[in-house]
Amino acid sequence: MSSNIFFADDELNVRLAMRLLLDQAGYKLVGEAGDTESLLAQVSSSPPDVILLDWELPGLRAQHLLPVLRKYCPHTKVIAVSAQPEAQRAAITSGVDAFVSKGNSSDELLAILAHISSE
C-alpha cells in the first residue's frame, strides 16, 4: 500500500482515529486539515494520491470545493466521508470518486481505499 492519503475532517478525535486506522492498515497519512482553507493550502503544493474529504468540512461547501481540488490535484482520488449517509447522492453527483459513511465499518472504508488506490 503505497498510497499517500490526506484526511480532512473538522473533528480532532475523528482525525486521530483515522490516523491510527490508516497506520495499522499500512497506508501513509501525509497530512490532515480541519477546514477547507488548510486543506487547499497543504494539497496544492504536494498533491496526495487520495483525499478523504469530510463532506461537511467547514469553509467552502464541498460541491464548490471539488472543482478547486481537481484544478490543484487533477490526479488525486477524492473519497467523500460523511456522518449523513443521505449525502451520498450529492457527493457522487458532485464528482467524488467514492463515498463512505462514517457509520460504515473500518473494513468497508479500507476496502474502498484499496479499490480506489488500485485504479
PDB file of N, CA and C in Angstrom:
ATOM      1  N   MET A   1       0.832  -1.179   0.000  1.00  0.00           N
ATOM      2  CA  MET A   1       0.000   0.000   0.000  1.00  0.00           C
ATOM      3  C   MET A   1       0.881   1.248   0.000  1.00  0.00           C
ATOM      4  N   SER A   2       1.032   1.814  -1.165  1.00  0.00           N
ATOM      5  CA  SER A   2       1.915   2.964  -1.257  1.00  0.00           C
ATOM      6  C   SER A   2       1.156   4.275  -1.400  1.00  0.00           C
ATOM      7  N   SER A   3      -0.150   4.246  -1.294  1.00  0.00           N
ATOM      8  CA  SER A   3      -0.931   5.468  -1.468  1.00  0.00           C
ATOM      9  C   SER A   3      -0.662   6.477  -0.361  1.00  0.00           C
ATOM     10  N   ASN A   4      -0.434   7.704  -0.793  1.00  0.00           N
ATOM     11  CA  ASN A   4      -0.314   8.813   0.147  1.00  0.00           C
ATOM     12  C   ASN A   4      -1.708   9.396   0.349  1.00  0.00           C
ATOM     13  N   ILE A   5      -2.144   9.420   1.596  1.00  0.00           N
ATOM     14  CA  ILE A   5      -3.505   9.822   1.907  1.00  0.00           C
ATOM     15  C   ILE A   5      -3.509  11.111   2.714  1.00  0.00           C
ATOM     16  N   PHE A   6      -4.435  11.985   2.374  1.00  0.00           N
ATOM     17  CA  PHE A   6      -4.656  13.216   3.124  1.00  0.00           C
ATOM     18  C   PHE A   6      -6.071  13.130   3.681  1.00  0.00           C
ATOM     19  N   PHE A   7      -6.242  13.484   4.950  1.00  0.00           N
ATOM     20  CA  PHE A   7      -7.563  13.403   5.581  1.00  0.00           C
ATOM     21  C   PHE A   7      -7.999  14.766   6.069  1.00  0.00           C
ATOM     22  N   ALA A   8      -9.171  15.193   5.632  1.00  0.00           N
ATOM     23  CA  ALA A   8      -9.715  16.484   6.041  1.00  0.00           C
ATOM     24  C   ALA A   8     -11.018  16.259   6.805  1.00  0.00           C
ATOM     25  N   ASP A   9     -11.008  16.603   8.090  1.00  0.00           N
ATOM     26  CA  ASP A   9     -12.184  16.488   8.955  1.00  0.00           C
ATOM     27  C   ASP A   9     -12.022  17.488  10.080  1.00  0.00           C
ATOM     28  N   ASP A  10     -13.110  18.153  10.447  1.00  0.00           N
ATOM     29  CA  ASP A  10     -13.012  19.193  11.471  1.00  0.00           C
ATOM     30  C   ASP A  10     -12.956  18.639  12.889  1.00  0.00           C
ATOM     31  N   GLU A  11     -13.214  17.356  13.072  1.00  0.00           N
ATOM     32  CA  GLU A  11     -13.207  16.777  14.417  1.00  0.00           C
ATOM     33  C   GLU A  11     -11.863  16.108  14.703  1.00  0.00           C
ATOM     34  N   LEU A  12     -11.149  16.640  15.692  1.00  0.00           N
ATOM     35  CA  LEU A  12      -9.830  16.127  16.040  1.00  0.00           C
ATOM     36  C   LEU A  12      -9.868  14.647  16.390  1.00  0.00           C
ATOM     37  N   ASN A  13     -10.861  14.208  17.160  1.00  0.00           N
ATOM     38  CA  ASN A  13     -10.943  12.797  17.548  1.00  0.00           C
ATOM     39  C   ASN A  13     -11.109  11.887  16.340  1.00  0.00           C
ATOM     40  N   VAL A  14     -11.850  12.350  15.346  1.00  0.00           N
ATOM     41  CA  VAL A  14     -12.029  11.565  14.121  1.00  0.00           C
ATOM     42  C   VAL A  14     -10.701  11.483  13.368  1.00  0.00           C
ATOM     43  N   ARG A  15      -9.980  12.595  13.298  1.00  0.00           N
ATOM     44  CA  ARG A  15      -8.668  12.586  12.625  1.00  0.00           C
ATOM     45  C   ARG A  15      -7.698  11.650  13.343  1.00  0.00           C
ATOM     46  N   LEU A  16      -7.709  11.668  14.669  1.00  0.00           N
ATOM     47  CA  LEU A  16      -6.813  10.773  15.425  1.00  0.00           C
ATOM     48  C   LEU A  16      -7.151   9.307  15.164  1.00  0.00           C
ATOM     49  N   ALA A  17      -8.435   8.986  15.159  1.00  0.00           N
ATOM     50  CA  ALA A  17      -8.862   7.607  14.909  1.00  0.00           C
ATOM     51  C   ALA A  17      -8.492   7.171  13.487  1.00  0.00           C
ATOM     52  N   MET A  18      -8.686   8.071  12.522  1.00  0.00           N
ATOM     53  CA  MET A  18      -8.353   7.741  11.132  1.00  0.00           C
ATOM     54  C   MET A  18      -6.847   7.544  10.981  1.00  0.00           C
ATOM     55  N   ARG A  19      -6.069   8.379  11.633  1.00  0.00           N
ATOM     56  CA  ARG A  19      -4.615   8.241  11.589  1.00  0.00           C
ATOM     57  C   ARG A  19      -4.203   6.851  12.068  1.00  0.00           C
ATOM     58  N   LEU A  20      -4.770   6.417  13.182  1.00  0.00           N
ATOM     59  CA  LEU A  20      -4.464   5.105  13.739  1.00  0.00           C
ATOM     60  C   LEU A  20      -4.891   3.989  12.786  1.00  0.00           C
ATOM     61  N   LEU A  21      -6.093   4.078  12.239  1.00  0.00           N
ATOM     62  CA  LEU A  21      -6.602   3.066  11.319  1.00  0.00           C
ATOM     63  C   LEU A  21      -5.722   2.952  10.072  1.00  0.00           C
ATOM     64  N   LEU A  22      -5.405   4.089   9.473  1.00  0.00           N
ATOM     65  CA  LEU A  22      -4.596   4.070   8.252  1.00  0.00           C
ATOM     66  C   LEU A  22      -3.190   3.542   8.519  1.00  0.00           C
ATOM     67  N   ASP A  23      -2.617   3.923   9.641  1.00  0.00           N
ATOM     68  CA  ASP A  23      -1.287   3.449  10.006  1.00  0.00           C
ATOM     69  C   ASP A  23      -1.292   1.928  10.171  1.00  0.00           C
ATOM     70  N   GLN A  24      -2.278   1.410  10.878  1.00  0.00           N
ATOM     71  CA  GLN A  24      -2.360  -0.034  11.110  1.00  0.00           C
ATOM     72  C   GLN A  24      -2.591  -0.807   9.815  1.00  0.00           C
ATOM     73  N   ALA A  25      -3.248  -0.158   8.843  1.00  0.00           N
ATOM     74  CA  ALA A  25      -3.536  -0.816   7.568  1.00  0.00           C
ATOM     75  C   ALA A  25      -2.396  -0.661   6.561  1.00  0.00           C
ATOM     76  N   GLY A  26      -1.359   0.074   6.933  1.00  0.00           N
ATOM     77  CA  GLY A  26      -0.209   0.211   6.063  1.00  0.00           C
ATOM     78  C   GLY A  26      -0.245   1.385   5.100  1.00  0.00           C
ATOM     79  N   TYR A  27      -1.186   2.282   5.280  1.00  0.00           N
ATOM     80  CA  TYR A  27      -1.257   3.478   4.434  1.00  0.00           C
ATOM     81  C   TYR A  27      -0.430   4.597   5.055  1.00  0.00           C
ATOM     82  N   LYS A  28       0.006   5.518   4.210  1.00  0.00           N
ATOM     83  CA  LYS A  28       0.796   6.648   4.679  1.00  0.00           C
ATOM     84  C   LYS A  28      -0.081   7.898   4.690  1.00  0.00           C
ATOM     85  N   LEU A  29      -0.350   8.413   5.896  1.00  0.00           N
ATOM     86  CA  LEU A  29      -1.105   9.658   6.045  1.00  0.00           C
ATOM     87  C   LEU A  29      -0.106  10.798   5.912  1.00  0.00           C
ATOM     88  N   VAL A  30      -0.241  11.573   4.830  1.00  0.00           N
ATOM     89  CA  VAL A  30       0.733  12.623   4.548  1.00  0.00           C
ATOM     90  C   VAL A  30       0.299  13.994   5.061  1.00  0.00           C
ATOM     91  N   GLY A  31      -0.931  14.084   5.553  1.00  0.00           N
ATOM     92  CA  GLY A  31      -1.387  15.354   6.095  1.00  0.00           C
ATOM     93  C   GLY A  31      -2.836  15.289   6.505  1.00  0.00           C
ATOM     94  N   GLU A  32      -3.226  16.303   7.270  1.00  0.00           N
ATOM     95  CA  GLU A  32      -4.612  16.397   7.693  1.00  0.00           C
ATOM     96  C   GLU A  32      -4.964  17.857   7.898  1.00  0.00           C
ATOM     97  N   ALA A  33      -6.256  18.134   7.769  1.00  0.00           N
ATOM     98  CA  ALA A  33      -6.742  19.504   7.901  1.00  0.00           C
ATOM     99  C   ALA A  33      -8.109  19.494   8.569  1.00  0.00           C
ATOM    100  N   GLY A  34      -8.420  20.612   9.233  1.00  0.00           N
ATOM    101  CA  GLY A  34      -9.701  20.750   9.911  1.00  0.00           C
ATOM    102  C   GLY A  34     -10.655  21.688   9.206  1.00  0.00           C
ATOM    103  N   ASP A  35     -10.215  22.293   8.086  1.00  0.00           N
ATOM    104  CA  ASP A  35     -11.096  23.179   7.311  1.00  0.00           C
ATOM    105  C   ASP A  35     -10.592  23.243   5.871  1.00  0.00           C
ATOM    106  N   THR A  36     -11.413  23.802   4.987  1.00  0.00           N
ATOM    107  CA  THR A  36     -11.057  23.806   3.565  1.00  0.00           C
ATOM    108  C   THR A  36      -9.844  24.669   3.262  1.00  0.00           C
ATOM    109  N   GLU A  37      -9.676  25.767   3.966  1.00  0.00           N
ATOM    110  CA  GLU A  37      -8.520  26.641   3.717  1.00  0.00           C
ATOM    111  C   GLU A  37      -7.213  25.894   3.972  1.00  0.00           C
ATOM    112  N   SER A  38      -7.138  25.203   5.093  1.00  0.00           N
ATOM    113  CA  SER A  38      -5.945  24.430   5.425  1.00  0.00           C
ATOM    114  C   SER A  38      -5.744  23.276   4.436  1.00  0.00           C
ATOM    115  N   LEU A  39      -6.823  22.629   4.060  1.00  0.00           N
ATOM    116  CA  LEU A  39      -6.756  21.544   3.084  1.00  0.00           C
ATOM    117  C   LEU A  39      -6.136  22.038   1.779  1.00  0.00           C
ATOM    118  N   LEU A  40      -6.680  23.111   1.227  1.00  0.00           N
ATOM    119  CA  LEU A  40      -6.179  23.637  -0.049  1.00  0.00           C
ATOM    120  C   LEU A  40      -4.732  24.096   0.051  1.00  0.00           C
ATOM    121  N   ALA A  41      -4.387  24.740   1.148  1.00  0.00           N
ATOM    122  CA  ALA A  41      -3.012  25.224   1.320  1.00  0.00           C
ATOM    123  C   ALA A  41      -2.021  24.067   1.310  1.00  0.00           C
ATOM    124  N   GLN A  42      -2.404  22.946   1.907  1.00  0.00           N
ATOM    125  CA  GLN A  42      -1.477  21.817   2.001  1.00  0.00           C
ATOM    126  C   GLN A  42      -1.416  20.966   0.733  1.00  0.00           C
ATOM    127  N   VAL A  43      -2.566  20.675   0.135  1.00  0.00           N
ATOM    128  CA  VAL A  43      -2.548  19.753  -1.012  1.00  0.00           C
ATOM    129  C   VAL A  43      -2.146  20.432  -2.312  1.00  0.00           C
ATOM    130  N   SER A  44      -2.270  21.752  -2.404  1.00  0.00           N
ATOM    131  CA  SER A  44      -1.902  22.420  -3.651  1.00  0.00           C
ATOM    132  C   SER A  44      -0.398  22.365  -3.905  1.00  0.00           C
ATOM    133  N   SER A  45       0.393  22.312  -2.839  1.00  0.00           N
ATOM    134  CA  SER A  45       1.844  22.262  -3.019  1.00  0.00           C
ATOM    135  C   SER A  45       2.374  20.832  -3.132  1.00  0.00           C
ATOM    136  N   SER A  46       1.625  19.873  -2.624  1.00  0.00           N
ATOM    137  CA  SER A  46       2.065  18.482  -2.667  1.00  0.00           C
ATOM    138  C   SER A  46       0.832  17.567  -2.744  1.00  0.00           C
ATOM    139  N   PRO A  47       0.307  17.374  -3.956  1.00  0.00           N
ATOM    140  CA  PRO A  47      -0.924  16.588  -4.094  1.00  0.00           C
ATOM    141  C   PRO A  47      -0.758  15.141  -3.625  1.00  0.00           C
ATOM    142  N   PRO A  48      -1.672  14.672  -2.799  1.00  0.00           N
ATOM    143  CA  PRO A  48      -1.630  13.276  -2.358  1.00  0.00           C
ATOM    144  C   PRO A  48      -2.265  12.373  -3.425  1.00  0.00           C
ATOM    145  N   ASP A  49      -2.194  11.075  -3.211  1.00  0.00           N
ATOM    146  CA  ASP A  49      -2.855  10.130  -4.113  1.00  0.00           C
ATOM    147  C   ASP A  49      -4.357  10.109  -3.861  1.00  0.00           C
ATOM    148  N   VAL A  50      -4.733  10.224  -2.582  1.00  0.00           N
ATOM    149  CA  VAL A  50      -6.136  10.147  -2.183  1.00  0.00           C
ATOM    150  C   VAL A  50      -6.420  11.200  -1.120  1.00  0.00           C
ATOM    151  N   ILE A  51      -7.577  11.846  -1.243  1.00  0.00           N
ATOM    152  CA  ILE A  51      -8.057  12.744  -0.195  1.00  0.00           C
ATOM    153  C   ILE A  51      -9.332  12.141   0.373  1.00  0.00           C
ATOM    154  N   LEU A  52      -9.339  11.925   1.681  1.00  0.00           N
ATOM    155  CA  LEU A  52     -10.556  11.554   2.398  1.00  0.00           C
ATOM    156  C   LEU A  52     -11.152  12.874   2.862  1.00  0.00           C
ATOM    157  N   LEU A  53     -12.285  13.253   2.297  1.00  0.00           N
ATOM    158  CA  LEU A  53     -12.858  14.569   2.498  1.00  0.00           C
ATOM    159  C   LEU A  53     -14.155  14.507   3.276  1.00  0.00           C
ATOM    160  N   ASP A  54     -14.156  15.086   4.471  1.00  0.00           N
ATOM    161  CA  ASP A  54     -15.389  15.213   5.242  1.00  0.00           C
ATOM    162  C   ASP A  54     -16.341  16.082   4.426  1.00  0.00           C
ATOM    163  N   TRP A  55     -17.470  15.519   4.030  1.00  0.00           N
ATOM    164  CA  TRP A  55     -18.416  16.216   3.165  1.00  0.00           C
ATOM    165  C   TRP A  55     -18.988  17.469   3.825  1.00  0.00           C
ATOM    166  N   GLU A  56     -18.922  17.543   5.142  1.00  0.00           N
ATOM    167  CA  GLU A  56     -19.421  18.705   5.877  1.00  0.00           C
ATOM    168  C   GLU A  56     -18.272  19.555   6.429  1.00  0.00           C
ATOM    169  N   LEU A  57     -17.110  19.486   5.801  1.00  0.00           N
ATOM    170  CA  LEU A  57     -15.933  20.230   6.254  1.00  0.00           C
ATOM    171  C   LEU A  57     -16.213  21.729   6.261  1.00  0.00           C
ATOM    172  N   PRO A  58     -15.879  22.420   7.364  1.00  0.00           N
ATOM    173  CA  PRO A  58     -16.112  23.870   7.432  1.00  0.00           C
ATOM    174  C   PRO A  58     -15.330  24.634   6.365  1.00  0.00           C
ATOM    175  N   GLY A  59     -15.946  25.666   5.876  1.00  0.00           N
ATOM    176  CA  GLY A  59     -15.336  26.500   4.849  1.00  0.00           C
ATOM    177  C   GLY A  59     -16.142  26.394   3.572  1.00  0.00           C
ATOM    178  N   LEU A  60     -15.468  26.360   2.466  1.00  0.00           N
ATOM    179  CA  LEU A  60     -16.102  26.250   1.164  1.00  0.00           C
ATOM    180  C   LEU A  60     -16.927  24.969   1.096  1.00  0.00           C
ATOM    181  N   ARG A  61     -18.163  25.069   0.654  1.00  0.00           N
ATOM    182  CA  ARG A  61     -19.018  23.873   0.552  1.00  0.00           C
ATOM    183  C   ARG A  61     -18.384  22.842  -0.361  1.00  0.00           C
ATOM    184  N   ALA A  62     -18.531  21.590  -0.009  1.00  0.00           N
ATOM    185  CA  ALA A  62     -17.837  20.511  -0.716  1.00  0.00           C
ATOM    186  C   ALA A  62     -18.117  20.516  -2.216  1.00  0.00           C
ATOM    187  N   GLN A  63     -19.359  20.806  -2.616  1.00  0.00           N
ATOM    188  CA  GLN A  63     -19.690  20.825  -4.040  1.00  0.00           C
ATOM    189  C   GLN A  63     -18.862  21.869  -4.786  1.00  0.00           C
ATOM    190  N   HIS A  64     -18.547  22.976  -4.118  1.00  0.00           N
ATOM    191  CA  HIS A  64     -17.752  24.037  -4.726  1.00  0.00           C
ATOM    192  C   HIS A  64     -16.257  23.800  -4.534  1.00  0.00           C
ATOM    193  N   LEU A  65     -15.918  23.028  -3.529  1.00  0.00           N
ATOM    194  CA  LEU A  65     -14.522  22.708  -3.250  1.00  0.00           C
ATOM    195  C   LEU A  65     -13.962  21.719  -4.265  1.00  0.00           C
ATOM    196  N   LEU A  66     -14.777  20.791  -4.703  1.00  0.00           N
ATOM    197  CA  LEU A  66     -14.306  19.740  -5.602  1.00  0.00           C
ATOM    198  C   LEU A  66     -13.655  20.276  -6.884  1.00  0.00           C
ATOM    199  N   PRO A  67     -14.253  21.232  -7.594  1.00  0.00           N
ATOM    200  CA  PRO A  67     -13.576  21.755  -8.796  1.00  0.00           C
ATOM    201  C   PRO A  67     -12.219  22.392  -8.480  1.00  0.00           C
ATOM    202  N   VAL A  68     -12.105  23.028  -7.337  1.00  0.00           N
ATOM    203  CA  VAL A  68     -10.830  23.637  -6.938  1.00  0.00           C
ATOM    204  C   VAL A  68      -9.807  22.535  -6.659  1.00  0.00           C
ATOM    205  N   LEU A  69     -10.228  21.502  -5.949  1.00  0.00           N
ATOM    206  CA  LEU A  69      -9.323  20.367  -5.690  1.00  0.00           C
ATOM    207  C   LEU A  69      -8.866  19.725  -7.002  1.00  0.00           C
ATOM    208  N   ARG A  70      -9.790  19.566  -7.929  1.00  0.00           N
ATOM    209  CA  ARG A  70      -9.451  18.946  -9.220  1.00  0.00           C
ATOM    210  C   ARG A  70      -8.443  19.807  -9.992  1.00  0.00           C
ATOM    211  N   LYS A  71      -8.543  21.121  -9.828  1.00  0.00           N
ATOM    212  CA  LYS A  71      -7.605  22.028 -10.502  1.00  0.00           C
ATOM    213  C   LYS A  71      -6.195  21.853  -9.919  1.00  0.00           C
ATOM    214  N   TYR A  72      -6.089  21.839  -8.588  1.00  0.00           N
ATOM    215  CA  TYR A  72      -4.790  21.730  -7.926  1.00  0.00           C
ATOM    216  C   TYR A  72      -4.257  20.303  -7.898  1.00  0.00           C
ATOM    217  N   CYS A  73      -5.141  19.339  -7.879  1.00  0.00           N
ATOM    218  CA  CYS A  73      -4.745  17.930  -7.742  1.00  0.00           C
ATOM    219  C   CYS A  73      -5.494  17.083  -8.775  1.00  0.00           C
ATOM    220  N   PRO A  74      -5.202  17.256 -10.063  1.00  0.00           N
ATOM    221  CA  PRO A  74      -6.001  16.588 -11.098  1.00  0.00           C
ATOM    222  C   PRO A  74      -5.957  15.062 -11.055  1.00  0.00           C
ATOM    223  N   HIS A  75      -4.924  14.480 -10.490  1.00  0.00           N
ATOM    224  CA  HIS A  75      -4.795  13.021 -10.474  1.00  0.00           C
ATOM    225  C   HIS A  75      -5.154  12.417  -9.118  1.00  0.00           C
ATOM    226  N   THR A  76      -5.547  13.253  -8.180  1.00  0.00           N
ATOM    227  CA  THR A  76      -5.889  12.783  -6.833  1.00  0.00           C
ATOM    228  C   THR A  76      -7.308  12.236  -6.810  1.00  0.00           C
ATOM    229  N   LYS A  77      -7.477  11.078  -6.194  1.00  0.00           N
ATOM    230  CA  LYS A  77      -8.805  10.492  -5.994  1.00  0.00           C
ATOM    231  C   LYS A  77      -9.407  11.132  -4.740  1.00  0.00           C
ATOM    232  N   VAL A  78     -10.703  11.414  -4.791  1.00  0.00           N
ATOM    233  CA  VAL A  78     -11.382  12.028  -3.652  1.00  0.00           C
ATOM    234  C   VAL A  78     -12.488  11.092  -3.168  1.00  0.00           C
ATOM    235  N   ILE A  79     -12.394  10.739  -1.886  1.00  0.00           N
ATOM    236  CA  ILE A  79     -13.424   9.922  -1.248  1.00  0.00           C
ATOM    237  C   ILE A  79     -14.150  10.809  -0.259  1.00  0.00           C
ATOM    238  N   ALA A  80     -15.443  11.004  -0.471  1.00  0.00           N
ATOM    239  CA  ALA A  80     -16.254  11.788   0.462  1.00  0.00           C
ATOM    240  C   ALA A  80     -16.584  10.912   1.663  1.00  0.00           C
ATOM    241  N   VAL A  81     -16.487  11.513   2.845  1.00  0.00           N
ATOM    242  CA  VAL A  81     -16.790  10.834   4.099  1.00  0.00           C
ATOM    243  C   VAL A  81     -17.842  11.677   4.800  1.00  0.00           C
ATOM    244  N   SER A  82     -18.922  11.042   5.246  1.00  0.00           N
ATOM    245  CA  SER A  82     -19.983  11.821   5.882  1.00  0.00           C
ATOM    246  C   SER A  82     -20.697  11.019   6.965  1.00  0.00           C
ATOM    247  N   ALA A  83     -21.132  11.736   7.988  1.00  0.00           N
ATOM    248  CA  ALA A  83     -21.951  11.128   9.037  1.00  0.00           C
ATOM    249  C   ALA A  83     -23.397  10.997   8.560  1.00  0.00           C
ATOM    250  N   GLN A  84     -23.688  11.590   7.420  1.00  0.00           N
ATOM    251  CA  GLN A  84     -25.046  11.580   6.872  1.00  0.00           C
ATOM    252  C   GLN A  84     -25.074  10.727   5.598  1.00  0.00           C
ATOM    253  N   PRO A  85     -25.492   9.464   5.705  1.00  0.00           N
ATOM    254  CA  PRO A  85     -25.496   8.583   4.536  1.00  0.00           C
ATOM    255  C   PRO A  85     -26.297   9.153   3.356  1.00  0.00           C
ATOM    256  N   GLU A  86     -27.299   9.974   3.665  1.00  0.00           N
ATOM    257  CA  GLU A  86     -28.113  10.559   2.594  1.00  0.00           C
ATOM    258  C   GLU A  86     -27.343  11.587   1.761  1.00  0.00           C
ATOM    259  N   ALA A  87     -26.144  11.956   2.182  1.00  0.00           N
ATOM    260  CA  ALA A  87     -25.302  12.883   1.418  1.00  0.00           C
ATOM    261  C   ALA A  87     -24.623  12.190   0.232  1.00  0.00           C
ATOM    262  N   GLN A  88     -24.743  10.874   0.157  1.00  0.00           N
ATOM    263  CA  GLN A  88     -24.050  10.121  -0.891  1.00  0.00           C
ATOM    264  C   GLN A  88     -24.431  10.595  -2.288  1.00  0.00           C
ATOM    265  N   ARG A  89     -25.711  10.787  -2.538  1.00  0.00           N
ATOM    266  CA  ARG A  89     -26.147  11.188  -3.875  1.00  0.00           C
ATOM    267  C   ARG A  89     -25.518  12.515  -4.290  1.00  0.00           C
ATOM    268  N   ALA A  90     -25.564  13.505  -3.397  1.00  0.00           N
ATOM    269  CA  ALA A  90     -24.979  14.816  -3.706  1.00  0.00           C
ATOM    270  C   ALA A  90     -23.476  14.706  -3.934  1.00  0.00           C
ATOM    271  N   ALA A  91     -22.805  13.888  -3.141  1.00  0.00           N
ATOM    272  CA  ALA A  91     -21.359  13.728  -3.269  1.00  0.00           C
ATOM    273  C   ALA A  91     -20.996  13.084  -4.606  1.00  0.00           C
ATOM    274  N   ILE A  92     -21.684  12.013  -4.949  1.00  0.00           N
ATOM    275  CA  ILE A  92     -21.405  11.322  -6.207  1.00  0.00           C
ATOM    276  C   ILE A  92     -21.743  12.227  -7.393  1.00  0.00           C
ATOM    277  N   THR A  93     -22.868  12.929  -7.318  1.00  0.00           N
ATOM    278  CA  THR A  93     -23.257  13.858  -8.381  1.00  0.00           C
ATOM    279  C   THR A  93     -22.237  14.969  -8.546  1.00  0.00           C
ATOM    280  N   SER A  94     -21.620  15.387  -7.454  1.00  0.00           N
ATOM    281  CA  SER A  94     -20.616  16.458  -7.495  1.00  0.00           C
ATOM    282  C   SER A  94     -19.287  15.996  -8.071  1.00  0.00           C
ATOM    283  N   GLY A  95     -19.091  14.680  -8.166  1.00  0.00           N
ATOM    284  CA  GLY A  95     -17.899  14.180  -8.829  1.00  0.00           C
ATOM    285  C   GLY A  95     -16.854  13.507  -7.965  1.00  0.00           C
ATOM    286  N   VAL A  96     -17.192  13.124  -6.732  1.00  0.00           N
ATOM    287  CA  VAL A  96     -16.207  12.392  -5.943  1.00  0.00           C
ATOM    288  C   VAL A  96     -16.004  11.009  -6.562  1.00  0.00           C
ATOM    289  N   ASP A  97     -14.895  10.389  -6.240  1.00  0.00           N
ATOM    290  CA  ASP A  97     -14.589   9.068  -6.787  1.00  0.00           C
ATOM    291  C   ASP A  97     -15.263   7.949  -5.998  1.00  0.00           C
ATOM    292  N   ALA A  98     -15.573   8.220  -4.740  1.00  0.00           N
ATOM    293  CA  ALA A  98     -16.251   7.229  -3.900  1.00  0.00           C
ATOM    294  C   ALA A  98     -16.852   7.947  -2.695  1.00  0.00           C
ATOM    295  N   PHE A  99     -17.719   7.241  -1.990  1.00  0.00           N
ATOM    296  CA  PHE A  99     -18.376   7.786  -0.806  1.00  0.00           C
ATOM    297  C   PHE A  99     -18.360   6.715   0.268  1.00  0.00           C
ATOM    298  N   VAL A 100     -18.132   7.148   1.510  1.00  0.00           N
ATOM    299  CA  VAL A 100     -18.224   6.229   2.643  1.00  0.00           C
ATOM    300  C   VAL A 100     -18.904   6.956   3.793  1.00  0.00           C
ATOM    301  N   SER A 101     -19.805   6.263   4.437  1.00  0.00           N
ATOM    302  CA  SER A 101     -20.486   6.819   5.600  1.00  0.00           C
ATOM    303  C   SER A 101     -19.624   6.594   6.836  1.00  0.00           C
ATOM    304  N   LYS A 102     -19.609   7.569   7.727  1.00  0.00           N
ATOM    305  CA  LYS A 102     -18.858   7.404   8.973  1.00  0.00           C
ATOM    306  C   LYS A 102     -19.442   6.274   9.814  1.00  0.00           C
ATOM    307  N   GLY A 103     -20.653   5.858   9.498  1.00  0.00           N
ATOM    308  CA  GLY A 103     -21.281   4.748  10.200  1.00  0.00           C
ATOM    309  C   GLY A 103     -20.843   3.387   9.676  1.00  0.00           C
ATOM    310  N   ASN A 104     -20.167   3.372   8.527  1.00  0.00           N
ATOM    311  CA  ASN A 104     -19.677   2.111   7.969  1.00  0.00           C
ATOM    312  C   ASN A 104     -18.551   1.563   8.837  1.00  0.00           C
ATOM    313  N   SER A 105     -18.296   0.282   8.693  1.00  0.00           N
ATOM    314  CA  SER A 105     -17.195  -0.318   9.450  1.00  0.00           C
ATOM    315  C   SER A 105     -15.863   0.130   8.858  1.00  0.00           C
ATOM    316  N   SER A 106     -14.825   0.031   9.656  1.00  0.00           N
ATOM    317  CA  SER A 106     -13.495   0.389   9.175  1.00  0.00           C
ATOM    318  C   SER A 106     -13.082  -0.530   8.025  1.00  0.00           C
ATOM    319  N   ASP A 107     -13.537  -1.781   8.032  1.00  0.00           N
ATOM    320  CA  ASP A 107     -13.218  -2.701   6.935  1.00  0.00           C
ATOM    321  C   ASP A 107     -13.794  -2.207   5.613  1.00  0.00           C
ATOM    322  N   GLU A 108     -15.001  -1.630   5.664  1.00  0.00           N
ATOM    323  CA  GLU A 108     -15.612  -1.101   4.439  1.00  0.00           C
ATOM    324  C   GLU A 108     -14.805   0.081   3.905  1.00  0.00           C
ATOM    325  N   LEU A 109     -14.371   0.956   4.794  1.00  0.00           N
ATOM    326  CA  LEU A 109     -13.552   2.088   4.379  1.00  0.00           C
ATOM    327  C   LEU A 109     -12.246   1.596   3.762  1.00  0.00           C
ATOM    328  N   LEU A 110     -11.599   0.639   4.396  1.00  0.00           N
ATOM    329  CA  LEU A 110     -10.330   0.115   3.884  1.00  0.00           C
ATOM    330  C   LEU A 110     -10.521  -0.577   2.537  1.00  0.00           C
ATOM    331  N   ALA A 111     -11.654  -1.248   2.335  1.00  0.00           N
ATOM    332  CA  ALA A 111     -11.934  -1.892   1.053  1.00  0.00           C
ATOM    333  C   ALA A 111     -12.099  -0.848  -0.054  1.00  0.00           C
ATOM    334  N   ILE A 112     -12.788   0.252   0.260  1.00  0.00           N
ATOM    335  CA  ILE A 112     -12.952   1.334  -0.712  1.00  0.00           C
ATOM    336  C   ILE A 112     -11.596   1.972  -1.015  1.00  0.00           C
ATOM    337  N   LEU A 113     -10.801   2.193   0.010  1.00  0.00           N
ATOM    338  CA  LEU A 113      -9.461   2.751  -0.188  1.00  0.00           C
ATOM    339  C   LEU A 113      -8.604   1.846  -1.064  1.00  0.00           C
ATOM    340  N   ALA A 114      -8.651   0.564  -0.813  1.00  0.00           N
ATOM    341  CA  ALA A 114      -7.863  -0.391  -1.600  1.00  0.00           C
ATOM    342  C   ALA A 114      -8.305  -0.360  -3.055  1.00  0.00           C
ATOM    343  N   HIS A 115      -9.598  -0.309  -3.283  1.00  0.00           N
ATOM    344  CA  HIS A 115     -10.130  -0.269  -4.644  1.00  0.00           C
ATOM    345  C   HIS A 115      -9.712   1.026  -5.352  1.00  0.00           C
ATOM    346  N   ILE A 116      -9.893   2.159  -4.694  1.00  0.00           N
ATOM    347  CA  ILE A 116      -9.553   3.451  -5.283  1.00  0.00           C
ATOM    348  C   ILE A 116      -8.041   3.536  -5.537  1.00  0.00           C
ATOM    349  N   SER A 117      -7.253   3.020  -4.625  1.00  0.00           N
ATOM    350  CA  SER A 117      -5.799   3.089  -4.747  1.00  0.00           C
ATOM    351  C   SER A 117      -5.279   2.237  -5.894  1.00  0.00           C
ATOM    352  N   SER A 118      -6.027   1.204  -6.264  1.00  0.00           N
ATOM    353  CA  SER A 118      -5.565   0.307  -7.326  1.00  0.00           C
ATOM    354  C   SER A 118      -5.978   0.775  -8.717  1.00  0.00           C
ATOM    355  N   GLU A 119      -6.812   1.803  -8.804  1.00  0.00           N
ATOM    356  CA  GLU A 119      -7.276   2.295 -10.116  1.00  0.00           C
ATOM    357  C   GLU A 119      -6.185   3.050 -10.834  1.00  0.00           C
TER     358      GLU A 119
END
